[in-house]
Amino acid sequence: MAGIEINGKLLQMLMARLERISVDSYWAHRASGIRGALIRLADQTEAGQPVEKEDLLRNVQLGFLILEIAAREKRAVRKNWRN
């Protein structure tokens, strides 16, 4: 993720996708926490306040990790349901 520029569009997309994780998923609560942290960081940026880049990068990485795990979980449930 070192080569990815973290901008407003990326943050908006990530926050929107974290919000869509099914409430039935274990990961929904975790996604909510990361989403809240990202919202606070985005608000700070918009207000012209300094943001720790390490915090932003860590939360973005965690957000994408949660999305990946939740997607795998959803695929496994669908696969088991079909069988």
C-alpha atoms as a PDB file:
ATOM      1  CA  MET A   1       0.000   0.000   0.000  1.00  0.00           C
ATOM      2  CA  ALA A   2       3.044   2.209   0.062  1.00  0.00           C
ATOM      3  CA  GLY A   3       2.478   3.367  -3.526  1.00  0.00           C
ATOM      4  CA  ILE A   4      -1.183   4.335  -3.069  1.00  0.00           C
ATOM      5  CA  GLU A   5      -2.050   7.989  -2.583  1.00  0.00           C
ATOM      6  CA  ILE A   6      -4.650   8.400   0.138  1.00  0.00           C
ATOM      7  CA  ASN A   7      -7.046  11.095  -1.008  1.00  0.00           C
ATOM      8  CA  GLY A   8     -10.613  12.145  -0.309  1.00  0.00           C
ATOM      9  CA  LYS A   9     -12.092   9.878  -2.987  1.00  0.00           C
ATOM     10  CA  LEU A  10     -10.350   6.820  -1.603  1.00  0.00           C
ATOM     11  CA  LEU A  11     -11.483   7.635   1.936  1.00  0.00           C
ATOM     12  CA  GLN A  12     -15.091   8.190   0.838  1.00  0.00           C
ATOM     13  CA  MET A  13     -15.133   4.901  -1.085  1.00  0.00           C
ATOM     14  CA  LEU A  14     -13.602   2.985   1.820  1.00  0.00           C
ATOM     15  CA  MET A  15     -16.004   4.481   4.365  1.00  0.00           C
ATOM     16  CA  ALA A  16     -19.002   3.722   2.149  1.00  0.00           C
ATOM     17  CA  ARG A  17     -17.952   0.099   1.701  1.00  0.00           C
ATOM     18  CA  LEU A  18     -17.240  -0.401   5.388  1.00  0.00           C
ATOM     19  CA  GLU A  19     -20.752   0.865   6.095  1.00  0.00           C
ATOM     20  CA  ARG A  20     -22.233  -1.792   3.805  1.00  0.00           C
ATOM     21  CA  ILE A  21     -20.842  -4.788   5.696  1.00  0.00           C
ATOM     22  CA  SER A  22     -23.796  -6.861   6.873  1.00  0.00           C
ATOM     23  CA  VAL A  23     -24.771  -6.323  10.487  1.00  0.00           C
ATOM     24  CA  ASP A  24     -24.883 -10.115  10.793  1.00  0.00           C
ATOM     25  CA  SER A  25     -21.136 -10.210  10.262  1.00  0.00           C
ATOM     26  CA  TYR A  26     -18.737 -10.298  13.174  1.00  0.00           C
ATOM     27  CA  TRP A  27     -16.728  -7.684  11.283  1.00  0.00           C
ATOM     28  CA  ALA A  28     -19.522  -5.082  11.177  1.00  0.00           C
ATOM     29  CA  HIS A  29     -18.680  -3.748  14.639  1.00  0.00           C
ATOM     30  CA  ARG A  30     -14.984  -3.505  13.817  1.00  0.00           C
ATOM     31  CA  ALA A  31     -15.788  -1.835  10.499  1.00  0.00           C
ATOM     32  CA  SER A  32     -17.891   0.721  12.352  1.00  0.00           C
ATOM     33  CA  GLY A  33     -14.969   1.637  14.594  1.00  0.00           C
ATOM     34  CA  ILE A  34     -12.550   2.029  11.704  1.00  0.00           C
ATOM     35  CA  ARG A  35     -15.130   4.025   9.771  1.00  0.00           C
ATOM     36  CA  GLY A  36     -15.557   6.359  12.739  1.00  0.00           C
ATOM     37  CA  ALA A  37     -11.797   6.862  12.984  1.00  0.00           C
ATOM     38  CA  LEU A  38     -11.612   7.613   9.256  1.00  0.00           C
ATOM     39  CA  ILE A  39     -14.456  10.120   9.533  1.00  0.00           C
ATOM     40  CA  ARG A  40     -12.647  11.915  12.370  1.00  0.00           C
ATOM     41  CA  LEU A  41      -9.398  12.005  10.390  1.00  0.00           C
ATOM     42  CA  ALA A  42     -11.205  13.294   7.277  1.00  0.00           C
ATOM     43  CA  ASP A  43     -12.931  15.982   9.352  1.00  0.00           C
ATOM     44  CA  GLN A  44      -9.597  17.056  10.812  1.00  0.00           C
ATOM     45  CA  THR A  45      -8.096  17.295   7.327  1.00  0.00           C
ATOM     46  CA  GLU A  46     -11.026  19.352   6.036  1.00  0.00           C
ATOM     47  CA  ALA A  47     -10.735  21.685   9.041  1.00  0.00           C
ATOM     48  CA  GLY A  48      -7.064  22.261   8.209  1.00  0.00           C
ATOM     49  CA  GLN A  49      -5.852  20.499  11.338  1.00  0.00           C
ATOM     50  CA  PRO A  50      -2.742  18.333  11.167  1.00  0.00           C
ATOM     51  CA  VAL A  51      -3.271  14.587  10.847  1.00  0.00           C
ATOM     52  CA  GLU A  52      -0.739  11.932  11.756  1.00  0.00           C
ATOM     53  CA  LYS A  53      -0.025  10.147   8.476  1.00  0.00           C
ATOM     54  CA  GLU A  54       0.737   6.945  10.364  1.00  0.00           C
ATOM     55  CA  ASP A  55      -2.742   6.981  11.923  1.00  0.00           C
ATOM     56  CA  LEU A  56      -4.368   7.589   8.568  1.00  0.00           C
ATOM     57  CA  LEU A  57      -2.348   4.859   6.838  1.00  0.00           C
ATOM     58  CA  ARG A  58      -2.987   2.348   9.637  1.00  0.00           C
ATOM     59  CA  ASN A  59      -6.741   2.976   9.609  1.00  0.00           C
ATOM     60  CA  VAL A  60      -6.932   2.757   5.814  1.00  0.00           C
ATOM     61  CA  GLN A  61      -4.990  -0.519   5.872  1.00  0.00           C
ATOM     62  CA  LEU A  62      -7.238  -1.918   8.616  1.00  0.00           C
ATOM     63  CA  GLY A  63     -10.310  -0.830   6.673  1.00  0.00           C
ATOM     64  CA  PHE A  64      -9.209  -2.683   3.561  1.00  0.00           C
ATOM     65  CA  LEU A  65      -8.244  -5.724   5.621  1.00  0.00           C
ATOM     66  CA  ILE A  66     -11.695  -5.815   7.239  1.00  0.00           C
ATOM     67  CA  LEU A  67     -13.336  -5.506   3.808  1.00  0.00           C
ATOM     68  CA  GLU A  68     -11.246  -8.403   2.520  1.00  0.00           C
ATOM     69  CA  ILE A  69     -12.022 -10.647   5.494  1.00  0.00           C
ATOM     70  CA  ALA A  70     -15.742  -9.796   5.425  1.00  0.00           C
ATOM     71  CA  ALA A  71     -15.861 -10.583   1.697  1.00  0.00           C
ATOM     72  CA  ARG A  72     -14.187 -13.958   2.266  1.00  0.00           C
ATOM     73  CA  GLU A  73     -16.644 -14.690   5.065  1.00  0.00           C
ATOM     74  CA  LYS A  74     -19.576 -13.805   2.828  1.00  0.00           C
ATOM     75  CA  ARG A  75     -18.261 -16.010   0.005  1.00  0.00           C
ATOM     76  CA  ALA A  76     -17.827 -18.940   2.395  1.00  0.00           C
ATOM     77  CA  VAL A  77     -21.381 -18.559   3.679  1.00  0.00           C
ATOM     78  CA  ARG A  78     -22.754 -18.431   0.130  1.00  0.00           C
ATOM     79  CA  LYS A  79     -20.709 -21.476  -0.879  1.00  0.00           C
ATOM     80  CA  ASN A  80     -21.920 -23.486   2.120  1.00  0.00           C
ATOM     81  CA  TRP A  81     -25.498 -22.381   1.553  1.00  0.00           C
ATOM     82  CA  ARG A  82     -25.451 -23.669  -2.026  1.00  0.00           C
ATOM     83  CA  ASN A  83     -24.134 -27.105  -1.020  1.00  0.00           C
END
